[in-house]
Amino acid sequence: MLILPAAAGAASLPSDTNGRPGPDILYDTPATNSAPQLSTGGDFTASPILTSGASAYRSGEFLYQDWLYDDDGAFVTGGQVSNDPRFNGNRFSRPAGTYAYPSDTANFGNNAADIVEIRVKKLASSTEFRITLNTIKNTSVVGVTLALGGTAGSLKTWPNTANVQSPAQYFLTVHGTGTLAEPGALAAEVRDPNSLPTANAVVAQPTPTLDSTKRQITVAVANSTWNPGTSF
């Protein structure tokens, strides 16, 4: 015997005060960007992508939009971490990395390594980078490295025991100074992985700036240090 579902009466369908299906918010104009981490400013004026894992060239800028709350750390020898506090109540997207955050949530917030967006723009005498983090509670725990240039297949070891290798002509690192108790400013170094006798010698120290409200770090590398030229 085939049993067909009963047809729903019109009175049982949800509608708003204008008689349209669904709530009024479905008919509103799209929301404008209001997240401070994705706002523009300074030399960076291109609209954000708003799509995780996407990249684009807009108005002379390269933009990369990262996945939010994906800061699980790399999966290396030793296996998946088992005591990550973010496991609690997380059934469908549990962290899969090897590293766990320190238990000091006041300074790390279980989120201090979460990248929101990276932007790059070629200026007349430098290349400007903007790194946006989801959370910055204490500048002393900030540390971000970008690989600049390089040749495919030629792997270089990242500085500061990052346990990462990638192609690179130079490495740009931005990090906090001071201690947890007495945070300092931000500092930056450009390192040369091919330097002798010791790899990753510092070749330049550009000065980064921080917008703590937008969690945006901006730093410019002079052409005299590294110039991507027309291949940018």
N, C-alpha and C. Protein backbone atom coordinates (compact mmCIF):
# COMPACT_ATOMS: atom_id res chain seq x y z
N MET A 1 0.84 -1.18 0.00
CA MET A 1 0.00 0.00 0.00
C MET A 1 0.89 1.24 0.00
N LEU A 2 0.60 2.19 -0.84
CA LEU A 2 1.34 3.44 -0.92
C LEU A 2 0.59 4.51 -0.14
N ILE A 3 1.29 5.09 0.85
CA ILE A 3 0.68 6.12 1.67
C ILE A 3 1.34 7.45 1.32
N LEU A 4 0.58 8.40 0.87
CA LEU A 4 1.09 9.71 0.51
C LEU A 4 0.95 10.66 1.68
N PRO A 5 1.96 11.54 1.85
CA PRO A 5 1.85 12.50 2.96
C PRO A 5 0.70 13.46 2.72
N ALA A 6 0.13 13.90 3.81
CA ALA A 6 -0.97 14.85 3.69
C ALA A 6 -0.43 16.20 3.27
N ALA A 7 -1.19 16.91 2.44
CA ALA A 7 -0.77 18.23 1.99
C ALA A 7 -0.92 19.23 3.14
N ALA A 8 0.08 20.11 3.26
CA ALA A 8 0.03 21.12 4.31
C ALA A 8 -0.95 22.22 3.92
N GLY A 9 -1.74 22.64 4.86
CA GLY A 9 -2.65 23.73 4.62
C GLY A 9 -1.92 25.06 4.60
N ALA A 10 -2.43 26.01 3.87
CA ALA A 10 -1.77 27.31 3.75
C ALA A 10 -1.60 27.98 5.10
N ALA A 11 -2.54 27.76 6.00
CA ALA A 11 -2.48 28.40 7.32
C ALA A 11 -1.32 27.88 8.16
N SER A 12 -0.82 26.67 7.82
CA SER A 12 0.25 26.09 8.63
C SER A 12 1.64 26.54 8.18
N LEU A 13 1.74 27.20 7.03
CA LEU A 13 3.03 27.66 6.53
C LEU A 13 3.44 28.95 7.21
N PRO A 14 4.73 29.07 7.59
CA PRO A 14 5.17 30.30 8.26
C PRO A 14 5.15 31.48 7.31
N SER A 15 4.80 32.61 7.81
CA SER A 15 4.79 33.83 6.99
C SER A 15 4.99 35.03 7.89
N ASP A 16 5.41 36.14 7.29
CA ASP A 16 5.58 37.36 8.07
C ASP A 16 4.31 38.19 7.99
N THR A 17 4.38 39.40 8.48
CA THR A 17 3.17 40.23 8.52
C THR A 17 2.71 40.65 7.13
N ASN A 18 3.61 40.54 6.12
CA ASN A 18 3.22 40.89 4.76
C ASN A 18 2.72 39.69 3.97
N GLY A 19 2.61 38.54 4.64
CA GLY A 19 2.11 37.37 3.97
C GLY A 19 3.14 36.63 3.15
N ARG A 20 4.43 36.99 3.28
CA ARG A 20 5.49 36.31 2.53
C ARG A 20 6.00 35.12 3.32
N PRO A 21 6.48 34.09 2.65
CA PRO A 21 7.07 32.95 3.37
C PRO A 21 8.33 33.38 4.13
N GLY A 22 8.49 32.92 5.34
CA GLY A 22 9.69 33.18 6.11
C GLY A 22 9.68 34.52 6.80
N PRO A 23 10.67 34.75 7.66
CA PRO A 23 10.74 36.01 8.41
C PRO A 23 11.19 37.17 7.54
N ASP A 24 10.96 38.38 8.04
CA ASP A 24 11.29 39.60 7.29
C ASP A 24 12.78 39.68 6.95
N ILE A 25 13.66 39.14 7.81
CA ILE A 25 15.09 39.28 7.59
C ILE A 25 15.55 38.65 6.28
N LEU A 26 14.79 37.67 5.79
CA LEU A 26 15.15 37.04 4.52
C LEU A 26 15.02 38.01 3.35
N TYR A 27 14.28 39.08 3.54
CA TYR A 27 14.04 40.02 2.45
C TYR A 27 14.83 41.31 2.61
N ASP A 28 15.64 41.40 3.68
CA ASP A 28 16.47 42.57 3.87
C ASP A 28 17.62 42.60 2.88
N THR A 29 18.20 43.77 2.67
CA THR A 29 19.39 43.87 1.83
C THR A 29 20.56 43.21 2.55
N PRO A 30 21.55 42.68 1.81
CA PRO A 30 22.68 42.01 2.46
C PRO A 30 23.38 42.92 3.46
N ALA A 31 23.83 42.34 4.54
CA ALA A 31 24.52 43.10 5.57
C ALA A 31 25.85 43.62 5.04
N THR A 32 26.22 44.80 5.45
CA THR A 32 27.53 45.33 5.08
C THR A 32 28.59 44.81 6.03
N ASN A 33 29.85 44.84 5.57
CA ASN A 33 30.94 44.34 6.39
C ASN A 33 31.13 45.23 7.61
N SER A 34 31.02 44.64 8.79
CA SER A 34 31.18 45.41 10.02
C SER A 34 32.24 44.82 10.94
N ALA A 35 32.80 43.67 10.60
CA ALA A 35 33.82 43.06 11.44
C ALA A 35 35.10 43.89 11.36
N PRO A 36 35.65 44.33 12.49
CA PRO A 36 36.84 45.18 12.43
C PRO A 36 38.02 44.48 11.78
N GLN A 37 38.13 43.16 11.93
CA GLN A 37 39.26 42.44 11.34
C GLN A 37 39.25 42.47 9.82
N LEU A 38 38.11 42.70 9.21
CA LEU A 38 38.02 42.69 7.75
C LEU A 38 37.84 44.09 7.16
N SER A 39 38.04 45.10 7.97
CA SER A 39 37.89 46.46 7.48
C SER A 39 39.14 46.92 6.73
N THR A 40 38.97 47.91 5.88
CA THR A 40 40.08 48.44 5.10
C THR A 40 40.69 49.63 5.84
N GLY A 41 41.77 50.15 5.27
CA GLY A 41 42.42 51.30 5.88
C GLY A 41 43.85 51.44 5.41
N GLY A 42 44.38 52.65 5.47
CA GLY A 42 45.74 52.89 5.03
C GLY A 42 45.89 52.64 3.54
N ASP A 43 46.93 51.90 3.15
CA ASP A 43 47.16 51.59 1.75
C ASP A 43 46.25 50.48 1.23
N PHE A 44 45.55 49.80 2.13
CA PHE A 44 44.72 48.67 1.73
C PHE A 44 43.26 49.11 1.64
N THR A 45 42.73 49.12 0.43
CA THR A 45 41.39 49.65 0.20
C THR A 45 40.45 48.65 -0.47
N ALA A 46 40.96 47.50 -0.90
CA ALA A 46 40.13 46.53 -1.61
C ALA A 46 39.11 45.88 -0.68
N SER A 47 37.95 45.57 -1.20
CA SER A 47 36.91 44.92 -0.40
C SER A 47 37.36 43.52 -0.01
N PRO A 48 37.02 43.05 1.21
CA PRO A 48 37.39 41.70 1.62
C PRO A 48 36.66 40.65 0.81
N ILE A 49 37.22 39.44 0.78
CA ILE A 49 36.63 38.37 -0.03
C ILE A 49 35.40 37.79 0.64
N LEU A 50 35.48 37.57 1.96
CA LEU A 50 34.37 37.00 2.75
C LEU A 50 34.08 35.56 2.39
N THR A 51 35.07 34.86 1.86
CA THR A 51 34.93 33.43 1.56
C THR A 51 36.17 32.72 2.07
N SER A 52 36.01 31.82 3.01
CA SER A 52 37.14 31.14 3.62
C SER A 52 37.94 30.34 2.60
N GLY A 53 39.26 30.42 2.70
CA GLY A 53 40.14 29.65 1.83
C GLY A 53 40.27 30.21 0.44
N ALA A 54 39.79 31.43 0.21
CA ALA A 54 39.83 32.03 -1.13
C ALA A 54 40.92 33.09 -1.21
N SER A 55 41.41 33.32 -2.42
CA SER A 55 42.38 34.38 -2.66
C SER A 55 41.95 35.17 -3.89
N ALA A 56 42.45 36.40 -3.99
CA ALA A 56 42.03 37.25 -5.11
C ALA A 56 43.02 38.39 -5.27
N TYR A 57 43.05 38.97 -6.49
CA TYR A 57 43.74 40.23 -6.76
C TYR A 57 42.67 41.29 -6.95
N ARG A 58 42.73 42.32 -6.12
CA ARG A 58 41.74 43.40 -6.21
C ARG A 58 42.43 44.74 -5.98
N SER A 59 42.22 45.66 -6.90
CA SER A 59 42.73 47.04 -6.76
C SER A 59 44.21 47.06 -6.42
N GLY A 60 44.98 46.20 -7.08
CA GLY A 60 46.41 46.16 -6.86
C GLY A 60 46.84 45.45 -5.60
N GLU A 61 45.92 44.73 -4.96
CA GLU A 61 46.24 44.01 -3.74
C GLU A 61 46.02 42.51 -3.94
N PHE A 62 46.89 41.72 -3.31
CA PHE A 62 46.63 40.28 -3.20
C PHE A 62 46.00 40.02 -1.84
N LEU A 63 44.88 39.31 -1.84
CA LEU A 63 44.16 39.01 -0.61
C LEU A 63 44.04 37.51 -0.44
N TYR A 64 44.24 37.05 0.77
CA TYR A 64 43.94 35.65 1.11
C TYR A 64 43.07 35.65 2.35
N GLN A 65 41.92 34.99 2.26
CA GLN A 65 40.99 34.88 3.38
C GLN A 65 41.11 33.48 3.98
N ASP A 66 41.53 33.40 5.22
CA ASP A 66 41.73 32.09 5.85
C ASP A 66 40.41 31.58 6.44
N TRP A 67 40.42 30.30 6.83
CA TRP A 67 39.29 29.74 7.56
C TRP A 67 39.34 30.24 9.00
N LEU A 68 38.20 30.61 9.55
CA LEU A 68 38.17 31.08 10.93
C LEU A 68 38.11 29.91 11.90
N TYR A 69 38.77 30.07 13.02
CA TYR A 69 38.79 29.07 14.10
C TYR A 69 39.32 27.72 13.61
N ASP A 70 40.37 27.78 12.77
CA ASP A 70 40.97 26.55 12.26
C ASP A 70 42.40 26.39 12.78
N ASP A 71 42.75 27.10 13.83
CA ASP A 71 44.13 27.13 14.32
C ASP A 71 44.43 25.91 15.17
N ASP A 72 44.57 24.77 14.48
CA ASP A 72 44.78 23.50 15.16
C ASP A 72 46.25 23.14 15.27
N GLY A 73 47.11 23.83 14.55
CA GLY A 73 48.51 23.45 14.52
C GLY A 73 48.75 22.34 13.52
N ALA A 74 49.99 22.22 13.09
CA ALA A 74 50.33 21.18 12.11
C ALA A 74 50.23 19.80 12.74
N PHE A 75 50.03 18.80 11.89
CA PHE A 75 50.02 17.40 12.35
C PHE A 75 51.39 16.82 12.04
N VAL A 76 52.18 16.63 13.08
CA VAL A 76 53.54 16.13 12.90
C VAL A 76 53.71 14.86 13.71
N THR A 77 54.93 14.32 13.69
CA THR A 77 55.21 13.09 14.42
C THR A 77 54.83 13.25 15.89
N GLY A 78 54.10 12.30 16.38
CA GLY A 78 53.62 12.38 17.75
C GLY A 78 52.11 12.24 17.82
N GLY A 79 51.44 12.50 16.71
CA GLY A 79 50.01 12.25 16.63
C GLY A 79 49.16 13.40 17.13
N GLN A 80 47.88 13.21 17.03
CA GLN A 80 46.91 14.25 17.36
C GLN A 80 46.90 14.52 18.86
N VAL A 81 46.82 15.78 19.21
CA VAL A 81 46.75 16.15 20.62
C VAL A 81 45.43 15.66 21.20
N SER A 82 45.46 15.20 22.42
CA SER A 82 44.25 14.62 23.02
C SER A 82 43.67 15.46 24.14
N ASN A 83 44.38 16.51 24.56
CA ASN A 83 43.90 17.30 25.70
C ASN A 83 43.56 18.73 25.32
N ASP A 84 43.23 18.95 24.06
CA ASP A 84 42.88 20.30 23.62
C ASP A 84 41.55 20.69 24.25
N PRO A 85 41.50 21.82 24.99
CA PRO A 85 40.25 22.21 25.64
C PRO A 85 39.13 22.51 24.67
N ARG A 86 39.47 22.76 23.41
CA ARG A 86 38.43 23.05 22.42
C ARG A 86 37.68 21.81 21.98
N PHE A 87 38.09 20.63 22.48
CA PHE A 87 37.34 19.41 22.21
C PHE A 87 35.96 19.45 22.85
N ASN A 88 35.85 20.16 23.96
CA ASN A 88 34.62 20.14 24.73
C ASN A 88 33.43 20.63 23.91
N GLY A 89 32.44 19.77 23.77
CA GLY A 89 31.24 20.12 23.04
C GLY A 89 31.40 20.25 21.55
N ASN A 90 32.56 19.88 21.01
CA ASN A 90 32.81 20.00 19.57
C ASN A 90 32.75 18.62 18.93
N ARG A 91 31.62 18.30 18.33
CA ARG A 91 31.42 16.97 17.78
C ARG A 91 31.84 16.87 16.32
N PHE A 92 31.69 17.94 15.54
CA PHE A 92 31.83 17.82 14.09
C PHE A 92 33.09 18.45 13.52
N SER A 93 33.78 19.33 14.26
CA SER A 93 34.97 19.97 13.71
C SER A 93 36.06 20.05 14.76
N ARG A 94 36.36 18.91 15.35
CA ARG A 94 37.34 18.87 16.42
C ARG A 94 38.74 19.12 15.87
N PRO A 95 39.61 19.79 16.66
CA PRO A 95 40.98 20.04 16.22
C PRO A 95 41.70 18.74 15.89
N ALA A 96 42.53 18.78 14.84
CA ALA A 96 43.24 17.58 14.40
C ALA A 96 44.74 17.75 14.42
N GLY A 97 45.24 18.86 14.96
CA GLY A 97 46.67 19.11 14.96
C GLY A 97 47.40 18.45 16.11
N THR A 98 48.72 18.60 16.09
CA THR A 98 49.57 18.01 17.12
C THR A 98 49.78 18.96 18.29
N TYR A 99 49.60 20.25 18.05
CA TYR A 99 49.90 21.24 19.08
C TYR A 99 48.62 21.71 19.77
N ALA A 100 48.74 22.03 21.05
CA ALA A 100 47.62 22.57 21.82
C ALA A 100 48.01 23.93 22.39
N TYR A 101 47.01 24.76 22.62
CA TYR A 101 47.26 26.06 23.22
C TYR A 101 47.68 25.90 24.68
N PRO A 102 48.49 26.84 25.18
CA PRO A 102 48.73 26.87 26.63
C PRO A 102 47.42 27.08 27.37
N SER A 103 47.38 26.67 28.62
CA SER A 103 46.15 26.78 29.40
C SER A 103 45.86 28.21 29.83
N ASP A 104 46.78 29.14 29.56
CA ASP A 104 46.63 30.55 29.93
C ASP A 104 45.68 31.24 28.95
N THR A 105 44.39 31.11 29.18
CA THR A 105 43.42 31.70 28.25
C THR A 105 43.38 33.22 28.33
N ALA A 106 43.85 33.80 29.44
CA ALA A 106 43.84 35.26 29.55
C ALA A 106 44.74 35.90 28.51
N ASN A 107 45.82 35.21 28.12
CA ASN A 107 46.75 35.76 27.14
C ASN A 107 46.62 35.11 25.76
N PHE A 108 46.22 33.84 25.72
CA PHE A 108 46.14 33.12 24.45
C PHE A 108 44.70 32.95 23.96
N GLY A 109 43.76 32.84 24.87
CA GLY A 109 42.35 32.77 24.50
C GLY A 109 41.98 31.59 23.62
N ASN A 110 42.83 30.54 23.57
CA ASN A 110 42.59 29.40 22.68
C ASN A 110 42.33 29.83 21.24
N ASN A 111 42.92 31.00 20.87
CA ASN A 111 42.60 31.54 19.54
C ASN A 111 43.68 32.47 19.00
N ALA A 112 44.79 32.60 19.72
CA ALA A 112 45.78 33.63 19.38
C ALA A 112 46.54 33.35 18.09
N ALA A 113 46.44 32.14 17.55
CA ALA A 113 47.15 31.81 16.31
C ALA A 113 46.22 31.72 15.11
N ASP A 114 45.01 32.21 15.25
CA ASP A 114 44.02 32.09 14.18
C ASP A 114 44.15 33.26 13.21
N ILE A 115 44.60 32.98 11.99
CA ILE A 115 44.74 34.01 10.96
C ILE A 115 43.39 34.25 10.29
N VAL A 116 43.02 35.51 10.16
CA VAL A 116 41.79 35.88 9.47
C VAL A 116 42.06 36.21 8.01
N GLU A 117 43.10 37.03 7.77
CA GLU A 117 43.34 37.51 6.41
C GLU A 117 44.80 37.94 6.28
N ILE A 118 45.33 37.78 5.07
CA ILE A 118 46.65 38.31 4.73
C ILE A 118 46.51 39.10 3.43
N ARG A 119 47.10 40.31 3.44
CA ARG A 119 47.09 41.16 2.25
C ARG A 119 48.51 41.56 1.88
N VAL A 120 48.75 41.72 0.59
CA VAL A 120 50.05 42.15 0.09
C VAL A 120 49.81 43.21 -0.98
N LYS A 121 50.59 44.30 -0.93
CA LYS A 121 50.46 45.35 -1.93
C LYS A 121 51.83 45.91 -2.28
N LYS A 122 52.11 45.99 -3.58
CA LYS A 122 53.38 46.55 -4.04
C LYS A 122 53.27 48.07 -4.10
N LEU A 123 54.15 48.73 -3.36
CA LEU A 123 54.22 50.18 -3.38
C LEU A 123 55.45 50.62 -4.17
N ALA A 124 55.67 51.91 -4.27
CA ALA A 124 56.77 52.42 -5.11
C ALA A 124 58.13 51.96 -4.60
N SER A 125 58.34 51.97 -3.30
CA SER A 125 59.66 51.65 -2.76
C SER A 125 59.67 50.46 -1.82
N SER A 126 58.54 49.78 -1.70
CA SER A 126 58.47 48.64 -0.78
C SER A 126 57.31 47.73 -1.15
N THR A 127 57.25 46.60 -0.48
CA THR A 127 56.10 45.70 -0.55
C THR A 127 55.48 45.67 0.83
N GLU A 128 54.20 46.00 0.90
CA GLU A 128 53.54 46.11 2.20
C GLU A 128 52.69 44.86 2.46
N PHE A 129 52.79 44.37 3.69
CA PHE A 129 52.03 43.19 4.11
C PHE A 129 51.12 43.59 5.27
N ARG A 130 49.92 43.00 5.26
CA ARG A 130 49.01 43.19 6.40
C ARG A 130 48.52 41.83 6.85
N ILE A 131 48.78 41.51 8.09
CA ILE A 131 48.39 40.23 8.69
C ILE A 131 47.31 40.51 9.72
N THR A 132 46.16 39.88 9.57
CA THR A 132 45.06 40.08 10.50
C THR A 132 44.83 38.81 11.30
N LEU A 133 44.88 38.93 12.61
CA LEU A 133 44.63 37.80 13.50
C LEU A 133 43.24 37.94 14.12
N ASN A 134 42.65 36.82 14.46
CA ASN A 134 41.32 36.82 15.06
C ASN A 134 41.35 37.39 16.47
N THR A 135 42.42 37.08 17.19
CA THR A 135 42.52 37.48 18.59
C THR A 135 43.93 37.96 18.90
N ILE A 136 44.05 39.11 19.54
CA ILE A 136 45.33 39.56 20.09
C ILE A 136 45.05 40.06 21.51
N LYS A 137 45.32 39.22 22.49
CA LYS A 137 45.13 39.60 23.88
C LYS A 137 46.41 40.13 24.51
N ASN A 138 47.56 39.68 23.98
CA ASN A 138 48.85 40.07 24.54
C ASN A 138 49.86 40.03 23.40
N THR A 139 50.48 41.15 23.10
CA THR A 139 51.39 41.21 21.96
C THR A 139 52.61 40.31 22.14
N SER A 140 52.94 39.96 23.37
CA SER A 140 54.14 39.16 23.58
C SER A 140 54.00 37.74 23.06
N VAL A 141 52.77 37.27 22.78
CA VAL A 141 52.59 35.91 22.26
C VAL A 141 52.38 35.89 20.75
N VAL A 142 52.45 37.05 20.10
CA VAL A 142 52.25 37.12 18.65
C VAL A 142 53.51 36.64 17.93
N GLY A 143 53.33 35.79 16.92
CA GLY A 143 54.43 35.35 16.09
C GLY A 143 53.92 34.81 14.76
N VAL A 144 54.28 35.47 13.66
CA VAL A 144 53.82 35.08 12.33
C VAL A 144 55.01 35.13 11.37
N THR A 145 55.18 34.09 10.55
CA THR A 145 56.24 34.07 9.55
C THR A 145 55.64 33.87 8.16
N LEU A 146 56.09 34.66 7.19
CA LEU A 146 55.69 34.52 5.79
C LEU A 146 56.92 34.18 4.96
N ALA A 147 56.79 33.23 4.05
CA ALA A 147 57.86 32.90 3.11
C ALA A 147 57.72 33.79 1.89
N LEU A 148 58.81 34.47 1.50
CA LEU A 148 58.79 35.39 0.36
C LEU A 148 59.57 34.78 -0.79
N GLY A 149 58.92 34.66 -1.95
CA GLY A 149 59.62 34.16 -3.13
C GLY A 149 60.04 32.71 -2.98
N GLY A 150 61.12 32.37 -3.67
CA GLY A 150 61.62 31.01 -3.63
C GLY A 150 61.39 30.27 -4.92
N THR A 151 61.98 29.08 -5.01
CA THR A 151 61.87 28.23 -6.19
C THR A 151 61.12 26.96 -5.84
N ALA A 152 60.14 26.61 -6.64
CA ALA A 152 59.36 25.39 -6.39
C ALA A 152 60.27 24.18 -6.27
N GLY A 153 60.04 23.39 -5.23
CA GLY A 153 60.82 22.19 -5.03
C GLY A 153 62.08 22.40 -4.20
N SER A 154 62.49 23.64 -4.00
CA SER A 154 63.67 23.95 -3.20
C SER A 154 63.21 24.35 -1.79
N LEU A 155 63.23 23.40 -0.87
CA LEU A 155 62.68 23.63 0.46
C LEU A 155 63.71 24.25 1.39
N LYS A 156 63.26 25.25 2.13
CA LYS A 156 64.09 25.92 3.12
C LYS A 156 63.46 25.76 4.49
N THR A 157 64.31 25.64 5.51
CA THR A 157 63.83 25.46 6.87
C THR A 157 63.45 26.81 7.48
N TRP A 158 62.24 26.89 8.00
CA TRP A 158 61.78 28.14 8.59
C TRP A 158 62.53 28.44 9.88
N PRO A 159 62.67 29.72 10.21
CA PRO A 159 63.39 30.10 11.43
C PRO A 159 62.56 29.85 12.68
N ASN A 160 63.20 30.03 13.82
CA ASN A 160 62.54 29.99 15.14
C ASN A 160 61.89 28.64 15.44
N THR A 161 62.56 27.56 14.99
CA THR A 161 62.10 26.19 15.26
C THR A 161 60.62 26.00 14.96
N ALA A 162 60.20 26.52 13.81
CA ALA A 162 58.79 26.42 13.43
C ALA A 162 58.40 25.02 12.95
N ASN A 163 59.38 24.15 12.71
CA ASN A 163 59.11 22.78 12.23
C ASN A 163 58.38 22.78 10.89
N VAL A 164 58.75 23.73 10.03
CA VAL A 164 58.12 23.85 8.71
C VAL A 164 59.22 24.07 7.68
N GLN A 165 59.00 23.53 6.47
CA GLN A 165 59.87 23.79 5.33
C GLN A 165 59.01 24.20 4.14
N SER A 166 59.55 25.09 3.32
CA SER A 166 58.83 25.52 2.12
C SER A 166 59.83 26.23 1.22
N PRO A 167 59.47 26.44 -0.06
CA PRO A 167 60.31 27.32 -0.89
C PRO A 167 60.34 28.72 -0.30
N ALA A 168 61.48 29.38 -0.37
CA ALA A 168 61.59 30.75 0.14
C ALA A 168 62.89 31.37 -0.30
N GLN A 169 62.82 32.61 -0.71
CA GLN A 169 64.03 33.42 -0.92
C GLN A 169 64.38 34.15 0.36
N TYR A 170 63.33 34.59 1.08
CA TYR A 170 63.51 35.22 2.38
C TYR A 170 62.33 34.81 3.27
N PHE A 171 62.52 34.99 4.57
CA PHE A 171 61.43 34.80 5.53
C PHE A 171 61.20 36.13 6.25
N LEU A 172 59.93 36.52 6.32
CA LEU A 172 59.53 37.70 7.07
C LEU A 172 58.82 37.24 8.33
N THR A 173 59.36 37.60 9.48
CA THR A 173 58.77 37.21 10.76
C THR A 173 58.40 38.46 11.55
N VAL A 174 57.17 38.47 12.06
CA VAL A 174 56.70 39.52 12.96
C VAL A 174 56.41 38.86 14.30
N HIS A 175 56.89 39.46 15.38
CA HIS A 175 56.70 38.84 16.70
C HIS A 175 56.63 39.91 17.77
N GLY A 176 56.06 39.52 18.89
CA GLY A 176 55.99 40.42 20.02
C GLY A 176 57.28 40.44 20.81
N THR A 177 57.44 41.47 21.59
CA THR A 177 58.59 41.58 22.48
C THR A 177 58.08 41.67 23.92
N GLY A 178 58.98 41.57 24.86
CA GLY A 178 58.58 41.63 26.25
C GLY A 178 58.15 40.27 26.77
N THR A 179 57.41 40.28 27.86
CA THR A 179 56.97 39.06 28.53
C THR A 179 55.46 39.10 28.71
N LEU A 180 54.90 37.98 29.18
CA LEU A 180 53.46 37.95 29.45
C LEU A 180 53.08 39.01 30.46
N ALA A 181 53.93 39.20 31.46
CA ALA A 181 53.61 40.17 32.50
C ALA A 181 53.84 41.60 32.03
N GLU A 182 54.83 41.79 31.16
CA GLU A 182 55.17 43.13 30.67
C GLU A 182 55.31 43.09 29.15
N PRO A 183 54.19 43.09 28.43
CA PRO A 183 54.25 43.04 26.96
C PRO A 183 54.97 44.26 26.40
N GLY A 184 55.66 44.04 25.30
CA GLY A 184 56.34 45.14 24.63
C GLY A 184 55.68 45.46 23.31
N ALA A 185 56.46 46.00 22.41
CA ALA A 185 55.95 46.35 21.09
C ALA A 185 56.09 45.13 20.17
N LEU A 186 55.87 45.35 18.88
CA LEU A 186 56.10 44.32 17.87
C LEU A 186 57.42 44.60 17.17
N ALA A 187 58.10 43.55 16.76
CA ALA A 187 59.34 43.66 16.02
C ALA A 187 59.24 42.76 14.79
N ALA A 188 60.12 42.97 13.83
CA ALA A 188 60.11 42.16 12.61
C ALA A 188 61.52 41.97 12.10
N GLU A 189 61.74 40.82 11.46
CA GLU A 189 63.03 40.53 10.82
C GLU A 189 62.80 39.89 9.46
N VAL A 190 63.65 40.23 8.52
CA VAL A 190 63.72 39.50 7.25
C VAL A 190 64.98 38.65 7.32
N ARG A 191 64.84 37.35 7.10
CA ARG A 191 65.95 36.43 7.21
C ARG A 191 66.23 35.76 5.87
N ASP A 192 67.49 35.47 5.64
CA ASP A 192 67.94 34.84 4.40
C ASP A 192 68.26 33.38 4.67
N PRO A 193 67.45 32.44 4.16
CA PRO A 193 67.72 31.02 4.42
C PRO A 193 68.99 30.51 3.75
N ASN A 194 69.53 31.27 2.80
CA ASN A 194 70.73 30.85 2.08
C ASN A 194 72.00 31.50 2.63
N SER A 195 71.88 32.25 3.73
CA SER A 195 73.05 32.94 4.26
C SER A 195 74.06 31.95 4.84
N LEU A 196 75.33 32.31 4.73
CA LEU A 196 76.43 31.49 5.23
C LEU A 196 77.26 32.32 6.22
N PRO A 197 77.84 31.67 7.23
CA PRO A 197 77.87 30.22 7.46
C PRO A 197 76.62 29.68 8.14
N THR A 198 75.77 30.57 8.65
CA THR A 198 74.56 30.14 9.35
C THR A 198 73.33 30.58 8.57
N ALA A 199 72.44 29.64 8.29
CA ALA A 199 71.22 29.97 7.55
C ALA A 199 70.31 30.88 8.37
N ASN A 200 69.47 31.62 7.67
CA ASN A 200 68.46 32.49 8.27
C ASN A 200 69.06 33.64 9.08
N ALA A 201 70.14 34.20 8.58
CA ALA A 201 70.69 35.41 9.18
C ALA A 201 69.76 36.58 8.90
N VAL A 202 69.69 37.53 9.84
CA VAL A 202 68.83 38.70 9.68
C VAL A 202 69.46 39.67 8.69
N VAL A 203 68.70 40.05 7.66
CA VAL A 203 69.20 40.99 6.65
C VAL A 203 68.48 42.33 6.71
N ALA A 204 67.38 42.41 7.43
CA ALA A 204 66.66 43.67 7.58
C ALA A 204 65.72 43.56 8.77
N GLN A 205 65.39 44.71 9.35
CA GLN A 205 64.49 44.75 10.50
C GLN A 205 63.45 45.86 10.30
N PRO A 206 62.47 45.63 9.44
CA PRO A 206 61.42 46.63 9.24
C PRO A 206 60.60 46.81 10.51
N THR A 207 59.93 47.96 10.60
CA THR A 207 59.15 48.27 11.80
C THR A 207 57.66 48.02 11.55
N PRO A 208 57.07 47.05 12.24
CA PRO A 208 55.63 46.80 12.06
C PRO A 208 54.79 47.75 12.91
N THR A 209 53.55 47.91 12.51
CA THR A 209 52.57 48.67 13.29
C THR A 209 51.38 47.78 13.59
N LEU A 210 50.69 48.08 14.68
CA LEU A 210 49.56 47.26 15.12
C LEU A 210 48.34 48.13 15.35
N ASP A 211 47.22 47.73 14.76
CA ASP A 211 45.92 48.30 15.09
C ASP A 211 45.26 47.28 16.01
N SER A 212 45.27 47.52 17.30
CA SER A 212 44.79 46.53 18.26
C SER A 212 43.29 46.30 18.18
N THR A 213 42.54 47.32 17.72
CA THR A 213 41.09 47.14 17.58
C THR A 213 40.76 46.22 16.42
N LYS A 214 41.46 46.41 15.30
CA LYS A 214 41.22 45.59 14.12
C LYS A 214 42.06 44.32 14.11
N ARG A 215 42.98 44.21 15.05
CA ARG A 215 43.91 43.06 15.13
C ARG A 215 44.70 42.92 13.82
N GLN A 216 45.11 44.06 13.26
CA GLN A 216 45.83 44.08 11.99
C GLN A 216 47.27 44.54 12.21
N ILE A 217 48.21 43.75 11.70
CA ILE A 217 49.63 44.06 11.77
C ILE A 217 50.10 44.42 10.37
N THR A 218 50.71 45.58 10.21
CA THR A 218 51.18 46.03 8.91
C THR A 218 52.69 46.22 8.96
N VAL A 219 53.38 45.71 7.94
CA VAL A 219 54.83 45.85 7.87
C VAL A 219 55.24 45.95 6.41
N ALA A 220 56.18 46.83 6.11
CA ALA A 220 56.65 47.04 4.74
C ALA A 220 58.10 46.59 4.61
N VAL A 221 58.39 45.82 3.56
CA VAL A 221 59.74 45.36 3.25
C VAL A 221 60.26 46.19 2.09
N ALA A 222 61.35 46.90 2.30
CA ALA A 222 61.89 47.81 1.29
C ALA A 222 62.37 47.04 0.06
N ASN A 223 62.27 47.69 -1.10
CA ASN A 223 62.76 47.08 -2.34
C ASN A 223 64.23 46.72 -2.26
N SER A 224 64.98 47.48 -1.48
CA SER A 224 66.42 47.20 -1.36
C SER A 224 66.68 45.89 -0.65
N THR A 225 65.69 45.40 0.08
CA THR A 225 65.82 44.11 0.77
C THR A 225 65.24 42.98 -0.09
N TRP A 226 64.03 43.17 -0.57
CA TRP A 226 63.37 42.17 -1.42
C TRP A 226 62.39 42.89 -2.33
N ASN A 227 62.53 42.66 -3.61
CA ASN A 227 61.69 43.32 -4.59
C ASN A 227 61.09 42.28 -5.54
N PRO A 228 59.79 42.02 -5.45
CA PRO A 228 59.19 41.03 -6.34
C PRO A 228 59.13 41.48 -7.78
N GLY A 229 59.33 42.78 -8.05
CA GLY A 229 59.33 43.29 -9.41
C GLY A 229 58.00 43.11 -10.10
N THR A 230 58.02 42.90 -11.39
CA THR A 230 56.79 42.78 -12.17
C THR A 230 56.17 41.40 -12.06
N SER A 231 56.86 40.45 -11.42
CA SER A 231 56.31 39.10 -11.28
C SER A 231 55.34 39.00 -10.11
N PHE A 232 55.17 40.10 -9.37
CA PHE A 232 54.28 40.10 -8.21
C PHE A 232 52.85 39.82 -8.62
